[in-house]
Amino acid sequence: MVEEMKERIRVNGFLSEASLSTAGELRWRRDLDSGGEERSLTVESEVLGLLTEGRNISIRAFVNEGKGGFSCGRSGGFRKSSRKDFVLEMPTEEAAELWTDRLMDCLNSLGRPKRLLIIVNPYGGKKCARKIFHTQIRPLLAAANVMYTLQETEYQLHAKEIAYKLDLLKYDGIVCVSGDGVLVEVFNGLLKREDWDTAIKVPLGIIPAGTGNGLAKSLSDAVGEMYSIQHATFAIIRGHKRSLDVTTIMQNRTKFFSILMLTWGLIADVDIESEKYRWMGRNRLNFYCFIRTMKLRKYHGRVEFVPAPGHEFYGEEVKDRGSMNTSKAQGCNSAEVLHGGYQGPTDCFDHSDWRFLEGPFISVSLFNVPWIGEDAKPAPEAKFSDGFLDLAILKDCAKATLISLLKKMSDGTHVKSPYVIYLKVKAFRLVPGNRVENPTKGGIIDVDGEVIARGDGTGVRGKEADLMAYGSPIQLVVDKGLATIFSPR
């Protein structure tokens, strides 16, 4: 039976009584002459890696900042963690070898990634991703002895191409140093592959370095971790994983895969049209949101949805499928849509399952995660892998009321307003219409930060034709827990 190891050593120069448990907890108590304090390190949650030279073992750690800059076990809340080195001076080289072997056994048993593909988007956000990688991320990877291949994106959809062609056997995961958009490209590239069912099991990670960092914020907030680049990096190094729902967005024979949100109306207009103010950083969103609120647009349209259990009282029962010709066959006959690659969910819903709401609407949005940015929480009840999308509809209201609602979106309390319809759905269909005040102009449909359809007169132009047509029905169906992502704890 393996027993706890004990030794009289020096830790950072102080003579101490130290022990190392079979579970990987290192504890030491300084001699009374050195203060008599007890300290600890847990391999699983605080140790990056180690280096042994002769009698000295240097433990590279990422610990909660406490008194004196050391941790005494893991503390709760959002306290900041930082890099610390702990040098254990053993009495003999033989003792150093034994303790090193125990520590390495603990590290190797955790299943941490050993080699990563890291995709950096140098053009996102404030164009700082390259600097962020070299100054904040690379030192942590080096301390953890994680090997990596670095790839920078050079144009839109480059990350999708990389994921589509990648030799997945070379890597234990793919990490995006970017906003959410590059990660979405990677998902779509993996799901277009012939071996998509194997490819989508490769863990994906996100380190926030863009304008929209909703997934990274949602992951850290869900477990009470501090939201930061270094904390996100350490979460990937630790190798913890969780499942993530994937949404298939369909229009006739065209498909797109989403992991975050679809939005139409105010939120989409702000997200996409504010691109011309990108030099302002994240402030562009608040600035343009104010402009759009003052010059408010409302949109005609119709939405249909299959409500989750307990939400059946929203909307009215669908009786006439005439205007919504995306019958349930659109979700069932997906095999004829793509030649290879992920076909999407094959679940079919009965006619009686569907309910509907008619516009005009200020905004219609569906979310897979709670946060869409560092300070915007439009879907407080959203879960990563519950098999549902959170539908949030902003109804017509006074501008003063709307401004109040938008402010409350920072903590999710806006959903309590009678002007917000908020429910969970299994499936969804959208027929977007034109503006109430200007019937010749349409709107924008935004999926995970990218335009998939736009109406006439939007003033937003893409480099290529949009993926889908504006005005025709668009359907969303959720595949529960299809993808895997690196996650804190």
Protein backbone atom coordinates (compact mmCIF):
# COMPACT_ATOMS: atom_id res chain seq x y z
CA MET A 1 0.00 0.00 0.00
CA VAL A 2 1.34 3.44 -0.97
CA GLU A 3 1.79 5.61 2.07
CA GLU A 4 2.05 9.33 2.68
CA MET A 5 5.58 10.62 2.22
CA LYS A 6 7.15 12.77 4.93
CA GLU A 7 10.45 14.60 4.99
CA ARG A 8 12.23 17.45 6.72
CA ILE A 9 13.10 19.88 3.90
CA ARG A 10 13.48 23.51 3.01
CA VAL A 11 10.65 25.24 1.13
CA ASN A 12 11.74 28.49 -0.50
CA GLY A 13 14.63 28.57 1.96
CA PHE A 14 12.59 27.97 5.13
CA LEU A 15 13.16 24.78 7.14
CA SER A 16 9.87 22.87 7.22
CA GLU A 17 8.19 19.57 8.04
CA ALA A 18 6.60 18.45 4.75
CA SER A 19 4.23 15.68 3.69
CA LEU A 20 2.92 14.52 0.31
CA SER A 21 -0.29 12.48 0.27
CA THR A 22 -1.20 9.76 -2.22
CA ALA A 23 -3.90 12.13 -3.56
CA GLY A 24 -1.31 14.76 -4.42
CA GLU A 25 -1.66 17.22 -1.58
CA LEU A 26 1.61 18.81 -0.50
CA ARG A 27 1.61 20.29 3.00
CA TRP A 28 4.40 21.86 5.01
CA ARG A 29 4.80 23.60 8.34
CA ARG A 30 7.67 25.96 8.95
CA ASP A 31 9.80 25.61 12.04
CA LEU A 32 8.84 27.94 14.86
CA ASP A 33 11.94 30.00 14.17
CA SER A 34 10.53 30.63 10.68
CA GLY A 35 7.05 31.56 11.84
CA GLY A 36 5.45 28.14 12.29
CA GLU A 37 2.93 28.72 9.48
CA GLU A 38 1.26 25.84 7.66
CA ARG A 39 0.94 25.98 3.88
CA SER A 40 -0.37 23.63 1.22
CA LEU A 41 -0.49 22.97 -2.52
CA THR A 42 -2.88 20.64 -4.32
CA VAL A 43 -1.45 19.09 -7.46
CA GLU A 44 -4.79 18.83 -9.26
CA SER A 45 -6.01 22.38 -8.73
CA GLU A 46 -2.85 24.46 -8.26
CA VAL A 47 0.21 22.84 -9.84
CA LEU A 48 1.22 23.53 -13.44
CA GLY A 49 4.35 21.43 -13.62
CA LEU A 50 7.74 20.84 -12.00
CA LEU A 51 11.47 20.67 -12.69
CA THR A 52 14.00 18.66 -10.68
CA GLU A 53 17.69 19.54 -10.57
CA GLY A 54 19.83 17.60 -8.14
CA ARG A 55 18.25 17.94 -4.67
CA ASN A 56 15.91 20.77 -5.68
CA ILE A 57 12.36 20.34 -6.97
CA SER A 58 10.88 23.51 -8.43
CA ILE A 59 7.08 23.35 -8.43
CA ARG A 60 5.41 25.77 -10.83
CA ALA A 61 2.02 26.72 -9.48
CA PHE A 62 -0.99 28.93 -10.18
CA VAL A 63 -2.39 29.81 -6.78
CA ASN A 64 -4.95 32.06 -5.14
CA GLU A 65 -3.33 35.20 -3.85
CA GLY A 66 -3.47 35.33 -0.06
CA LYS A 67 -1.34 36.74 2.69
CA GLY A 68 2.27 36.69 1.65
CA GLY A 69 1.27 35.64 -1.84
CA PHE A 70 0.74 31.98 -0.86
CA SER A 71 -2.40 29.85 -0.77
CA CYS A 72 -3.72 27.81 2.10
CA GLY A 73 -5.83 25.45 0.07
CA ARG A 74 -8.27 26.65 -2.55
CA SER A 75 -10.51 29.54 -1.58
CA GLY A 76 -13.91 30.44 -2.98
CA GLY A 77 -15.17 33.56 -4.65
CA PHE A 78 -13.43 35.41 -7.45
CA ARG A 79 -10.01 35.98 -5.88
CA LYS A 80 -7.22 36.45 -8.35
CA SER A 81 -4.67 33.70 -8.89
CA SER A 82 -1.12 34.15 -10.11
CA ARG A 83 2.08 32.28 -10.91
CA LYS A 84 4.27 31.21 -8.00
CA ASP A 85 7.29 28.93 -7.79
CA PHE A 86 7.97 26.75 -4.76
CA VAL A 87 11.45 25.29 -4.43
CA LEU A 88 11.69 22.12 -2.33
CA GLU A 89 15.25 21.49 -1.18
CA MET A 90 15.43 17.79 -0.32
CA PRO A 91 18.06 16.28 2.00
CA THR A 92 19.38 13.92 -0.73
CA GLU A 93 19.08 13.40 -4.47
CA GLU A 94 17.45 10.03 -3.75
CA ALA A 95 14.71 11.76 -1.75
CA ALA A 96 14.27 14.31 -4.54
CA GLU A 97 13.82 11.48 -7.04
CA LEU A 98 11.21 9.73 -4.89
CA TRP A 99 9.19 12.92 -4.36
CA THR A 100 9.46 13.82 -8.04
CA ASP A 101 8.14 10.41 -9.03
CA ARG A 102 5.15 10.80 -6.68
CA LEU A 103 4.38 14.29 -7.94
CA MET A 104 4.67 13.21 -11.60
CA ASP A 105 2.43 10.20 -10.98
CA CYS A 106 -0.20 12.57 -9.61
CA LEU A 107 0.12 14.91 -12.60
CA ASN A 108 0.06 12.10 -15.16
CA SER A 109 -3.06 10.57 -13.60
CA LEU A 110 -5.08 13.74 -14.29
CA GLY A 111 -5.37 13.21 -18.05
CA ARG A 112 -4.18 16.71 -18.89
CA PRO A 113 -3.55 17.64 -22.54
CA LYS A 114 0.06 17.22 -23.63
CA ARG A 115 -0.09 18.77 -27.10
CA LEU A 116 -2.48 21.45 -28.35
CA LEU A 117 -3.25 23.20 -31.60
CA ILE A 118 -3.59 26.89 -30.77
CA ILE A 119 -5.40 29.12 -33.26
CA VAL A 120 -4.80 32.85 -32.79
CA ASN A 121 -6.93 35.49 -34.47
CA PRO A 122 -4.66 38.56 -34.73
CA TYR A 123 -7.48 40.72 -36.13
CA GLY A 124 -10.17 40.28 -33.46
CA GLY A 125 -11.11 42.78 -30.77
CA LYS A 126 -8.34 45.31 -30.26
CA LYS A 127 -5.97 43.17 -32.36
CA CYS A 128 -4.01 42.12 -29.27
CA ALA A 129 -4.36 38.32 -29.52
CA ARG A 130 -0.78 37.76 -30.69
CA LYS A 131 0.61 39.81 -27.81
CA ILE A 132 -1.75 38.12 -25.33
CA PHE A 133 -0.52 34.72 -26.40
CA HIS A 134 3.18 35.49 -26.08
CA THR A 135 2.99 37.47 -22.81
CA GLN A 136 0.25 35.71 -20.84
CA ILE A 137 -0.54 32.31 -22.32
CA ARG A 138 2.78 30.91 -23.51
CA PRO A 139 4.51 31.24 -20.09
CA LEU A 140 1.77 29.13 -18.46
CA LEU A 141 1.99 26.48 -21.18
CA ALA A 142 5.76 26.36 -20.77
CA ALA A 143 5.45 26.02 -17.01
CA ALA A 144 3.07 23.09 -17.52
CA ASN A 145 5.29 21.44 -20.15
CA VAL A 146 2.46 21.57 -22.70
CA MET A 147 3.64 21.37 -26.30
CA TYR A 148 1.71 23.29 -28.92
CA THR A 149 1.49 24.19 -32.58
CA LEU A 150 0.61 27.83 -33.23
CA GLN A 151 -1.53 28.82 -36.22
CA GLU A 152 -2.70 32.36 -36.96
CA THR A 153 -5.84 32.99 -38.98
CA GLU A 154 -5.31 35.06 -42.11
CA TYR A 155 -8.85 35.61 -43.36
CA GLN A 156 -12.49 34.94 -42.54
CA LEU A 157 -13.34 31.22 -42.31
CA HIS A 158 -9.65 30.29 -42.19
CA ALA A 159 -10.20 28.56 -38.83
CA LYS A 160 -12.98 26.49 -40.42
CA GLU A 161 -10.56 25.34 -43.13
CA ILE A 162 -7.90 24.49 -40.54
CA ALA A 163 -10.32 22.36 -38.53
CA TYR A 164 -11.67 20.66 -41.65
CA LYS A 165 -8.22 19.54 -42.85
CA LEU A 166 -6.52 18.96 -39.49
CA ASP A 167 -4.79 15.69 -38.55
CA LEU A 168 -6.60 15.29 -35.24
CA LEU A 169 -4.40 12.42 -34.04
CA LYS A 170 -1.60 14.91 -33.42
CA TYR A 171 -3.44 16.87 -30.73
CA ASP A 172 -5.25 16.50 -27.44
CA GLY A 173 -7.33 19.59 -28.06
CA ILE A 174 -7.84 22.75 -30.11
CA VAL A 175 -7.65 26.14 -28.39
CA CYS A 176 -8.80 29.45 -29.86
CA VAL A 177 -7.20 32.69 -28.67
CA SER A 178 -9.88 34.95 -30.01
CA GLY A 179 -13.46 36.04 -29.62
CA ASP A 180 -16.28 33.55 -30.02
CA GLY A 181 -16.34 33.73 -33.83
CA VAL A 182 -13.18 31.72 -34.48
CA LEU A 183 -14.34 28.94 -32.16
CA VAL A 184 -17.63 28.78 -34.08
CA GLU A 185 -15.64 28.41 -37.31
CA VAL A 186 -13.73 25.49 -35.78
CA PHE A 187 -16.98 23.77 -34.78
CA ASN A 188 -18.34 24.14 -38.29
CA GLY A 189 -15.12 22.82 -39.80
CA LEU A 190 -15.16 19.73 -37.58
CA LEU A 191 -18.81 19.00 -38.32
CA LYS A 192 -18.26 19.21 -42.09
CA ARG A 193 -15.69 16.39 -41.97
CA GLU A 194 -16.45 12.85 -43.03
CA ASP A 195 -15.21 11.70 -39.62
CA TRP A 196 -17.25 14.37 -37.81
CA ASP A 197 -18.44 11.93 -35.13
CA THR A 198 -14.83 11.42 -34.05
CA ALA A 199 -13.72 14.98 -34.73
CA ILE A 200 -16.39 16.60 -32.57
CA LYS A 201 -15.12 14.65 -29.55
CA VAL A 202 -11.83 16.57 -29.66
CA PRO A 203 -11.98 19.02 -26.72
CA LEU A 204 -12.10 22.67 -27.74
CA GLY A 205 -10.97 25.60 -25.62
CA ILE A 206 -11.47 29.34 -25.70
CA ILE A 207 -9.17 32.01 -24.26
CA PRO A 208 -10.82 35.45 -24.48
CA ALA A 209 -9.09 37.83 -26.86
CA GLY A 210 -11.90 39.32 -28.93
CA THR A 211 -14.85 41.68 -28.72
CA GLY A 212 -17.44 39.05 -27.91
CA ASN A 213 -16.18 36.63 -25.25
CA GLY A 214 -19.50 35.17 -24.18
CA LEU A 215 -18.50 31.52 -23.95
CA ALA A 216 -15.36 32.19 -21.88
CA LYS A 217 -17.35 34.41 -19.52
CA SER A 218 -20.15 31.83 -19.25
CA LEU A 219 -17.69 29.02 -18.45
CA SER A 220 -15.94 30.93 -15.67
CA ASP A 221 -19.13 32.36 -14.19
CA ALA A 222 -20.81 28.94 -14.05
CA VAL A 223 -18.27 27.64 -11.53
CA GLY A 224 -17.43 30.84 -9.67
CA GLU A 225 -14.01 31.22 -11.28
CA MET A 226 -12.48 34.61 -12.00
CA TYR A 227 -12.86 35.64 -15.63
CA SER A 228 -9.40 36.32 -17.06
CA ILE A 229 -6.99 35.18 -19.75
CA GLN A 230 -4.74 33.39 -17.28
CA HIS A 231 -7.61 31.60 -15.53
CA ALA A 232 -8.98 30.44 -18.88
CA THR A 233 -5.52 29.16 -19.86
CA PHE A 234 -5.10 27.25 -16.60
CA ALA A 235 -8.55 25.69 -17.05
CA ILE A 236 -7.37 24.25 -20.38
CA ILE A 237 -4.09 23.05 -18.88
CA ARG A 238 -6.00 21.22 -16.13
CA GLY A 239 -7.96 19.43 -18.82
CA HIS A 240 -11.41 19.42 -17.26
CA LYS A 241 -14.17 19.05 -19.83
CA ARG A 242 -17.91 19.48 -20.18
CA SER A 243 -20.49 18.81 -22.86
CA LEU A 244 -21.97 21.57 -25.01
CA ASP A 245 -25.17 21.62 -27.03
CA VAL A 246 -24.87 22.25 -30.77
CA THR A 247 -27.68 23.91 -32.71
CA THR A 248 -28.33 23.09 -36.36
CA ILE A 249 -29.69 26.11 -38.26
CA MET A 250 -31.45 25.09 -41.47
CA GLN A 251 -33.05 26.74 -44.46
CA ASN A 252 -34.03 24.29 -47.21
CA ARG A 253 -30.76 22.47 -48.04
CA THR A 254 -28.45 24.92 -46.32
CA LYS A 255 -27.09 24.33 -42.83
CA PHE A 256 -24.97 26.16 -40.30
CA PHE A 257 -23.95 25.01 -36.82
CA SER A 258 -24.18 27.31 -33.82
CA ILE A 259 -22.98 27.03 -30.23
CA LEU A 260 -23.89 30.45 -28.82
CA MET A 261 -26.86 32.36 -30.18
CA LEU A 262 -29.09 33.47 -33.01
CA THR A 263 -30.49 36.98 -32.82
CA TRP A 264 -32.65 39.21 -35.01
CA GLY A 265 -33.74 42.78 -34.36
CA LEU A 266 -32.12 45.20 -31.93
CA ILE A 267 -29.32 42.97 -30.61
CA ALA A 268 -28.33 41.81 -34.09
CA ASP A 269 -28.42 45.36 -35.45
CA VAL A 270 -26.15 46.57 -32.65
CA ASP A 271 -23.71 43.66 -32.97
CA ILE A 272 -23.27 43.87 -36.73
CA GLU A 273 -23.83 47.53 -37.59
CA SER A 274 -21.46 48.71 -34.85
CA GLU A 275 -18.56 47.05 -36.71
CA LYS A 276 -17.76 50.44 -38.24
CA TYR A 277 -16.86 51.60 -34.73
CA ARG A 278 -14.57 48.65 -34.01
CA TRP A 279 -11.76 51.07 -33.12
CA MET A 280 -13.71 51.80 -29.92
CA GLY A 281 -13.30 48.22 -28.63
CA ARG A 282 -16.20 46.89 -26.58
CA ASN A 283 -17.44 50.45 -26.03
CA ARG A 284 -18.74 50.37 -29.60
CA LEU A 285 -21.58 48.11 -28.47
CA ASN A 286 -22.81 50.46 -25.73
CA PHE A 287 -22.41 53.48 -27.98
CA TYR A 288 -24.33 52.01 -30.89
CA CYS A 289 -26.95 50.46 -28.62
CA PHE A 290 -27.82 53.98 -27.45
CA ILE A 291 -28.09 55.18 -31.06
CA ARG A 292 -30.35 52.31 -32.05
CA THR A 293 -32.54 52.79 -28.99
CA MET A 294 -33.05 56.45 -29.78
CA LYS A 295 -33.88 55.55 -33.39
CA LEU A 296 -35.73 52.39 -32.51
CA ARG A 297 -36.69 49.85 -35.14
CA LYS A 298 -39.51 47.35 -34.82
CA TYR A 299 -39.92 44.34 -37.08
CA HIS A 300 -42.86 42.42 -38.43
CA GLY A 301 -42.44 38.68 -38.28
CA ARG A 302 -43.56 35.38 -36.84
CA VAL A 303 -41.88 32.84 -34.60
CA GLU A 304 -42.82 29.24 -33.95
CA PHE A 305 -41.37 27.03 -31.25
CA VAL A 306 -41.63 23.71 -29.46
CA PRO A 307 -41.61 24.70 -25.79
CA ALA A 308 -39.70 22.77 -23.14
CA PRO A 309 -41.77 21.05 -20.43
CA GLY A 310 -43.32 23.69 -18.16
CA HIS A 311 -43.31 26.39 -20.84
CA GLU A 312 -46.32 25.24 -22.87
CA PHE A 313 -48.46 28.22 -21.85
CA TYR A 314 -46.47 30.65 -24.04
CA GLY A 315 -47.87 31.60 -27.44
CA GLU A 316 -50.80 30.09 -29.31
CA GLU A 317 -51.25 26.65 -30.82
CA VAL A 318 -50.24 26.39 -34.47
CA LYS A 319 -53.30 25.52 -36.55
CA ASP A 320 -52.32 26.54 -40.07
CA ARG A 321 -48.92 25.61 -41.49
CA GLY A 322 -49.53 27.65 -44.64
CA SER A 323 -47.02 30.46 -44.11
CA MET A 324 -44.48 28.22 -42.44
CA ASN A 325 -43.75 25.67 -45.11
CA THR A 326 -40.73 24.33 -43.26
CA SER A 327 -42.68 21.29 -42.17
CA LYS A 328 -41.26 18.78 -39.79
CA ALA A 329 -39.74 17.02 -42.78
CA GLN A 330 -37.09 19.75 -42.88
CA GLY A 331 -35.75 18.39 -39.65
CA CYS A 332 -36.19 14.75 -40.65
CA ASN A 333 -34.84 14.53 -44.20
CA SER A 334 -31.48 16.04 -43.39
CA ALA A 335 -29.61 13.14 -44.96
CA GLU A 336 -30.25 14.58 -48.43
CA VAL A 337 -28.89 17.99 -47.47
CA LEU A 338 -25.20 17.18 -47.10
CA HIS A 339 -22.94 14.64 -48.76
CA GLY A 340 -20.85 13.72 -45.73
CA GLY A 341 -20.42 15.61 -42.51
CA TYR A 342 -22.80 16.01 -39.61
CA GLN A 343 -26.43 15.82 -40.71
CA GLY A 344 -28.00 17.46 -37.67
CA PRO A 345 -30.61 16.06 -35.27
CA THR A 346 -33.21 13.73 -36.74
CA ASP A 347 -35.79 14.39 -34.02
CA CYS A 348 -39.22 15.18 -35.45
CA PHE A 349 -41.92 17.06 -33.59
CA ASP A 350 -45.63 16.55 -34.03
CA HIS A 351 -47.72 19.33 -35.47
CA SER A 352 -49.46 19.74 -32.11
CA ASP A 353 -46.12 20.44 -30.36
CA TRP A 354 -45.65 23.79 -32.07
CA ARG A 355 -46.81 27.18 -30.77
CA PHE A 356 -46.41 30.64 -32.29
CA LEU A 357 -46.17 34.38 -31.63
CA GLU A 358 -46.72 37.23 -34.09
CA GLY A 359 -44.80 40.53 -34.19
CA PRO A 360 -44.02 43.30 -34.26
CA PHE A 361 -40.88 42.60 -32.25
CA ILE A 362 -38.03 44.77 -31.03
CA SER A 363 -35.73 41.77 -30.74
CA VAL A 364 -35.89 37.97 -30.97
CA SER A 365 -32.91 35.97 -29.69
CA LEU A 366 -32.04 32.37 -28.84
CA PHE A 367 -29.15 31.54 -26.54
CA ASN A 368 -27.16 28.43 -25.63
CA VAL A 369 -25.06 30.11 -22.90
CA PRO A 370 -25.93 32.81 -20.32
CA TRP A 371 -23.43 35.50 -21.38
CA ILE A 372 -22.87 36.98 -24.84
CA GLY A 373 -20.10 39.31 -23.66
CA GLU A 374 -18.19 40.26 -20.56
CA ASP A 375 -20.99 42.52 -19.32
CA ALA A 376 -24.14 41.17 -21.01
CA LYS A 377 -26.15 38.27 -19.56
CA PRO A 378 -29.29 38.04 -21.68
CA ALA A 379 -30.08 34.39 -20.85
CA PRO A 380 -29.55 33.86 -17.11
CA GLU A 381 -31.11 30.38 -17.10
CA ALA A 382 -29.23 29.00 -20.11
CA LYS A 383 -27.32 25.75 -19.58
CA PHE A 384 -24.46 24.32 -21.59
CA SER A 385 -25.99 20.91 -22.29
CA ASP A 386 -29.65 20.75 -21.33
CA GLY A 387 -30.91 20.16 -24.86
CA PHE A 388 -32.80 23.47 -24.98
CA LEU A 389 -32.32 26.98 -26.30
CA ASP A 390 -33.34 29.98 -24.21
CA LEU A 391 -35.70 32.17 -26.23
CA ALA A 392 -35.84 35.85 -25.25
CA ILE A 393 -38.23 38.24 -27.02
CA LEU A 394 -38.31 41.98 -26.41
CA LYS A 395 -41.83 43.24 -26.95
CA ASP A 396 -42.85 46.75 -27.94
CA CYS A 397 -42.37 49.22 -25.09
CA ALA A 398 -41.50 52.85 -24.37
CA LYS A 399 -37.89 53.91 -24.97
CA ALA A 400 -37.37 54.72 -21.29
CA THR A 401 -38.52 51.21 -20.40
CA LEU A 402 -36.26 49.71 -23.04
CA ILE A 403 -33.22 51.59 -21.73
CA SER A 404 -33.97 50.25 -18.25
CA LEU A 405 -34.26 46.71 -19.61
CA LEU A 406 -30.97 46.96 -21.47
CA LYS A 407 -29.21 48.13 -18.30
CA LYS A 408 -30.64 45.16 -16.40
CA MET A 409 -29.24 42.82 -19.04
CA SER A 410 -25.86 43.17 -17.30
CA ASP A 411 -27.05 40.79 -14.55
CA GLY A 412 -29.96 39.01 -16.24
CA THR A 413 -32.75 40.62 -14.19
CA HIS A 414 -34.37 42.03 -17.35
CA VAL A 415 -36.12 38.70 -17.93
CA LYS A 416 -38.47 39.47 -15.02
CA SER A 417 -40.03 42.34 -16.96
CA PRO A 418 -43.54 41.92 -18.47
CA TYR A 419 -42.05 43.29 -21.70
CA VAL A 420 -39.73 40.27 -22.01
CA ILE A 421 -40.91 36.80 -23.04
CA TYR A 422 -38.36 34.30 -21.76
CA LEU A 423 -38.69 30.53 -22.10
CA LYS A 424 -36.85 27.37 -23.08
CA VAL A 425 -37.53 25.68 -26.42
CA LYS A 426 -36.60 22.39 -28.08
CA ALA A 427 -36.93 23.69 -31.63
CA PHE A 428 -37.62 27.04 -33.26
CA ARG A 429 -38.64 28.60 -36.58
CA LEU A 430 -38.32 32.22 -37.63
CA VAL A 431 -39.93 34.10 -40.49
CA PRO A 432 -38.33 37.56 -40.33
CA GLY A 433 -40.21 40.51 -41.77
CA ASN A 434 -39.44 44.11 -42.64
CA ARG A 435 -39.40 47.17 -40.44
CA VAL A 436 -42.69 48.51 -39.16
CA GLU A 437 -41.70 52.13 -39.81
CA ASN A 438 -40.11 51.39 -43.20
CA PRO A 439 -41.64 48.35 -44.96
CA THR A 440 -39.07 48.41 -47.76
CA LYS A 441 -36.19 47.62 -45.40
CA GLY A 442 -35.43 44.36 -43.64
CA GLY A 443 -33.21 43.33 -40.78
CA ILE A 444 -30.15 41.25 -39.97
CA ILE A 445 -30.00 37.67 -38.71
CA ASP A 446 -26.84 37.21 -36.66
CA VAL A 447 -25.53 33.79 -35.61
CA ASP A 448 -22.61 33.75 -33.20
CA GLY A 449 -21.46 37.15 -34.42
CA GLU A 450 -21.74 36.42 -38.15
CA VAL A 451 -24.46 37.52 -40.58
CA ILE A 452 -26.28 34.56 -42.15
CA ALA A 453 -29.08 36.59 -43.76
CA ARG A 454 -29.94 40.26 -44.27
CA GLY A 455 -32.92 42.05 -45.74
CA ASP A 456 -33.04 44.83 -48.29
CA GLY A 457 -31.82 48.25 -47.24
CA THR A 458 -29.82 47.19 -44.19
CA GLY A 459 -26.76 49.11 -45.34
CA VAL A 460 -24.55 46.18 -44.26
CA ARG A 461 -22.61 44.54 -47.02
CA GLY A 462 -20.68 41.30 -46.91
CA LYS A 463 -17.80 40.15 -49.08
CA GLU A 464 -19.85 37.26 -50.39
CA ALA A 465 -23.49 36.31 -50.68
CA ASP A 466 -25.16 35.46 -47.39
CA LEU A 467 -25.55 31.83 -46.42
CA MET A 468 -29.35 32.08 -46.19
CA ALA A 469 -32.15 34.15 -47.66
CA TYR A 470 -33.87 36.80 -45.57
CA GLY A 471 -37.65 36.37 -45.29
CA SER A 472 -37.75 32.61 -45.83
CA PRO A 473 -38.31 30.38 -42.77
CA ILE A 474 -35.23 29.42 -40.77
CA GLN A 475 -35.36 26.47 -38.40
CA LEU A 476 -33.24 25.61 -35.35
CA VAL A 477 -32.94 22.20 -33.67
CA VAL A 478 -30.70 21.33 -30.72
CA ASP A 479 -28.41 18.30 -30.41
CA LYS A 480 -27.85 17.81 -26.68
CA GLY A 481 -24.24 17.66 -25.49
CA LEU A 482 -22.80 16.91 -28.93
CA ALA A 483 -19.55 18.86 -28.48
CA THR A 484 -16.84 18.86 -25.78
CA ILE A 485 -15.16 21.95 -24.37
CA PHE A 486 -12.42 22.57 -21.83
CA SER A 487 -13.98 24.02 -18.70
CA PRO A 488 -12.86 25.28 -15.26
CA ARG A 489 -13.20 22.56 -12.62
